Amino acid sequence: MEKKSNACGVVGLCIGWALPLAGIILGIISLARREKSVALGVLSIVLAFFFWIFWASVFIGGMF
């Protein structure tokens, strides 16, 4: 018997702001495993993309 959990989605949300690539990967894994809440996987991916753009603009803007 397989228990479903939201572990990948929750972990993806927690580290997606600091490591966006890891957040995207965990969000995709969450969607692929069909965890309880699909919203956590989608939110993890969206949040990670947002922070990826944010961190890129901060680092590129700081170079010039």
N, C-alpha and C. Protein backbone atom coordinates (compact mmCIF):
# COMPACT_ATOMS: atom_id res chain seq x y z
N MET A 1 0.84 -1.17 0.00
CA MET A 1 0.00 0.00 0.00
C MET A 1 0.89 1.25 0.00
N GLU A 2 0.62 2.14 -0.91
CA GLU A 2 1.45 3.32 -1.08
C GLU A 2 0.77 4.54 -0.47
N LYS A 3 1.47 5.21 0.42
CA LYS A 3 0.94 6.44 1.00
C LYS A 3 1.46 7.62 0.18
N LYS A 4 0.58 8.53 -0.11
CA LYS A 4 0.98 9.72 -0.85
C LYS A 4 1.29 10.83 0.15
N SER A 5 2.33 11.57 -0.15
CA SER A 5 2.70 12.70 0.69
C SER A 5 2.99 13.90 -0.21
N ASN A 6 3.17 15.03 0.41
CA ASN A 6 3.47 16.25 -0.33
C ASN A 6 4.92 16.67 -0.14
N ALA A 7 5.78 15.71 0.15
CA ALA A 7 7.16 16.03 0.53
C ALA A 7 7.91 16.80 -0.55
N CYS A 8 7.88 16.36 -1.78
CA CYS A 8 8.64 17.03 -2.84
C CYS A 8 8.12 18.45 -3.08
N GLY A 9 6.83 18.61 -3.05
CA GLY A 9 6.26 19.95 -3.24
C GLY A 9 6.63 20.90 -2.13
N VAL A 10 6.58 20.43 -0.91
CA VAL A 10 6.91 21.28 0.24
C VAL A 10 8.40 21.62 0.25
N VAL A 11 9.24 20.64 0.01
CA VAL A 11 10.69 20.89 -0.02
C VAL A 11 11.03 21.81 -1.19
N GLY A 12 10.37 21.63 -2.32
CA GLY A 12 10.59 22.51 -3.46
C GLY A 12 10.23 23.96 -3.15
N LEU A 13 9.16 24.15 -2.39
CA LEU A 13 8.78 25.51 -1.98
C LEU A 13 9.80 26.10 -1.01
N CYS A 14 10.31 25.27 -0.13
CA CYS A 14 11.24 25.77 0.89
C CYS A 14 12.59 26.18 0.31
N ILE A 15 13.10 25.42 -0.65
CA ILE A 15 14.42 25.76 -1.17
C ILE A 15 14.37 26.44 -2.54
N GLY A 16 13.19 26.62 -3.08
CA GLY A 16 13.06 27.23 -4.40
C GLY A 16 13.52 28.67 -4.45
N TRP A 17 13.47 29.38 -3.33
CA TRP A 17 13.90 30.78 -3.33
C TRP A 17 15.42 30.90 -3.34
N ALA A 18 16.12 29.94 -2.74
CA ALA A 18 17.57 30.01 -2.67
C ALA A 18 18.23 29.26 -3.83
N LEU A 19 17.66 28.12 -4.20
CA LEU A 19 18.19 27.31 -5.28
C LEU A 19 17.07 27.02 -6.28
N PRO A 20 16.82 27.97 -7.18
CA PRO A 20 15.68 27.83 -8.08
C PRO A 20 15.68 26.56 -8.93
N LEU A 21 16.84 26.13 -9.39
CA LEU A 21 16.89 24.93 -10.22
C LEU A 21 16.42 23.71 -9.42
N ALA A 22 16.82 23.61 -8.17
CA ALA A 22 16.37 22.51 -7.32
C ALA A 22 14.87 22.59 -7.08
N GLY A 23 14.34 23.80 -6.92
CA GLY A 23 12.90 23.97 -6.75
C GLY A 23 12.11 23.52 -7.97
N ILE A 24 12.63 23.83 -9.15
CA ILE A 24 11.97 23.41 -10.39
C ILE A 24 11.99 21.88 -10.51
N ILE A 25 13.15 21.29 -10.23
CA ILE A 25 13.27 19.84 -10.32
C ILE A 25 12.33 19.15 -9.34
N LEU A 26 12.29 19.62 -8.10
CA LEU A 26 11.41 19.01 -7.10
C LEU A 26 9.94 19.23 -7.45
N GLY A 27 9.60 20.36 -8.04
CA GLY A 27 8.23 20.60 -8.49
C GLY A 27 7.82 19.63 -9.59
N ILE A 28 8.73 19.39 -10.51
CA ILE A 28 8.45 18.44 -11.60
C ILE A 28 8.31 17.02 -11.05
N ILE A 29 9.18 16.66 -10.11
CA ILE A 29 9.08 15.34 -9.48
C ILE A 29 7.75 15.21 -8.74
N SER A 30 7.36 16.27 -8.07
CA SER A 30 6.08 16.26 -7.35
C SER A 30 4.90 16.03 -8.31
N LEU A 31 4.94 16.67 -9.46
CA LEU A 31 3.87 16.48 -10.44
C LEU A 31 3.91 15.08 -11.05
N ALA A 32 5.13 14.58 -11.29
CA ALA A 32 5.27 13.25 -11.90
C ALA A 32 4.81 12.14 -10.96
N ARG A 33 5.05 12.32 -9.64
CA ARG A 33 4.65 11.31 -8.66
C ARG A 33 3.16 11.39 -8.33
N ARG A 34 2.50 12.41 -8.84
CA ARG A 34 1.07 12.62 -8.57
C ARG A 34 0.79 12.62 -7.08
N GLU A 35 1.46 13.55 -6.41
CA GLU A 35 1.28 13.67 -4.97
C GLU A 35 -0.12 14.18 -4.66
N LYS A 36 -0.45 14.21 -3.38
CA LYS A 36 -1.79 14.62 -2.95
C LYS A 36 -2.21 15.95 -3.56
N SER A 37 -1.36 16.94 -3.41
CA SER A 37 -1.71 18.27 -3.86
C SER A 37 -0.88 18.65 -5.09
N VAL A 38 -1.53 18.76 -6.21
CA VAL A 38 -0.86 19.18 -7.44
C VAL A 38 -0.46 20.65 -7.34
N ALA A 39 -1.20 21.41 -6.56
CA ALA A 39 -0.94 22.84 -6.42
C ALA A 39 0.44 23.11 -5.84
N LEU A 40 0.91 22.27 -4.93
CA LEU A 40 2.25 22.48 -4.35
C LEU A 40 3.34 22.32 -5.40
N GLY A 41 3.19 21.35 -6.27
CA GLY A 41 4.17 21.16 -7.35
C GLY A 41 4.19 22.33 -8.31
N VAL A 42 3.01 22.77 -8.71
CA VAL A 42 2.91 23.90 -9.64
C VAL A 42 3.43 25.17 -8.98
N LEU A 43 3.06 25.39 -7.72
CA LEU A 43 3.52 26.58 -7.00
C LEU A 43 5.04 26.56 -6.82
N SER A 44 5.59 25.40 -6.58
CA SER A 44 7.04 25.27 -6.45
C SER A 44 7.74 25.66 -7.74
N ILE A 45 7.22 25.21 -8.87
CA ILE A 45 7.81 25.55 -10.17
C ILE A 45 7.69 27.04 -10.45
N VAL A 46 6.52 27.61 -10.23
CA VAL A 46 6.30 29.03 -10.50
C VAL A 46 7.17 29.90 -9.60
N LEU A 47 7.23 29.56 -8.32
CA LEU A 47 8.05 30.33 -7.38
C LEU A 47 9.53 30.24 -7.75
N ALA A 48 9.98 29.06 -8.13
CA ALA A 48 11.38 28.90 -8.51
C ALA A 48 11.72 29.70 -9.77
N PHE A 49 10.82 29.71 -10.77
CA PHE A 49 11.06 30.52 -11.96
C PHE A 49 11.12 32.00 -11.61
N PHE A 50 10.22 32.45 -10.72
CA PHE A 50 10.22 33.85 -10.30
C PHE A 50 11.55 34.22 -9.64
N PHE A 51 12.01 33.38 -8.72
CA PHE A 51 13.27 33.68 -8.04
C PHE A 51 14.47 33.49 -8.95
N TRP A 52 14.37 32.62 -9.95
CA TRP A 52 15.46 32.48 -10.92
C TRP A 52 15.64 33.81 -11.67
N ILE A 53 14.54 34.39 -12.11
CA ILE A 53 14.59 35.68 -12.80
C ILE A 53 15.07 36.77 -11.85
N PHE A 54 14.58 36.74 -10.62
CA PHE A 54 14.98 37.75 -9.63
C PHE A 54 16.48 37.69 -9.36
N TRP A 55 17.00 36.48 -9.07
CA TRP A 55 18.43 36.36 -8.77
C TRP A 55 19.28 36.70 -9.99
N ALA A 56 18.82 36.35 -11.18
CA ALA A 56 19.57 36.68 -12.39
C ALA A 56 19.64 38.19 -12.57
N SER A 57 18.55 38.88 -12.32
CA SER A 57 18.56 40.33 -12.46
C SER A 57 19.43 41.00 -11.41
N VAL A 58 19.44 40.45 -10.20
CA VAL A 58 20.28 40.99 -9.14
C VAL A 58 21.76 40.83 -9.48
N PHE A 59 22.15 39.63 -9.91
CA PHE A 59 23.56 39.40 -10.20
C PHE A 59 24.01 40.09 -11.47
N ILE A 60 23.18 40.10 -12.49
CA ILE A 60 23.56 40.79 -13.74
C ILE A 60 23.56 42.29 -13.52
N GLY A 61 22.58 42.80 -12.80
CA GLY A 61 22.53 44.23 -12.51
C GLY A 61 23.69 44.69 -11.63
N GLY A 62 24.16 43.81 -10.77
CA GLY A 62 25.28 44.15 -9.90
C GLY A 62 26.61 44.17 -10.62
N MET A 63 26.66 43.54 -11.78
CA MET A 63 27.91 43.49 -12.53
C MET A 63 28.18 44.81 -13.26
N PHE A 64 27.14 45.56 -13.56
CA PHE A 64 27.31 46.78 -14.35
C PHE A 64 27.15 47.99 -13.54
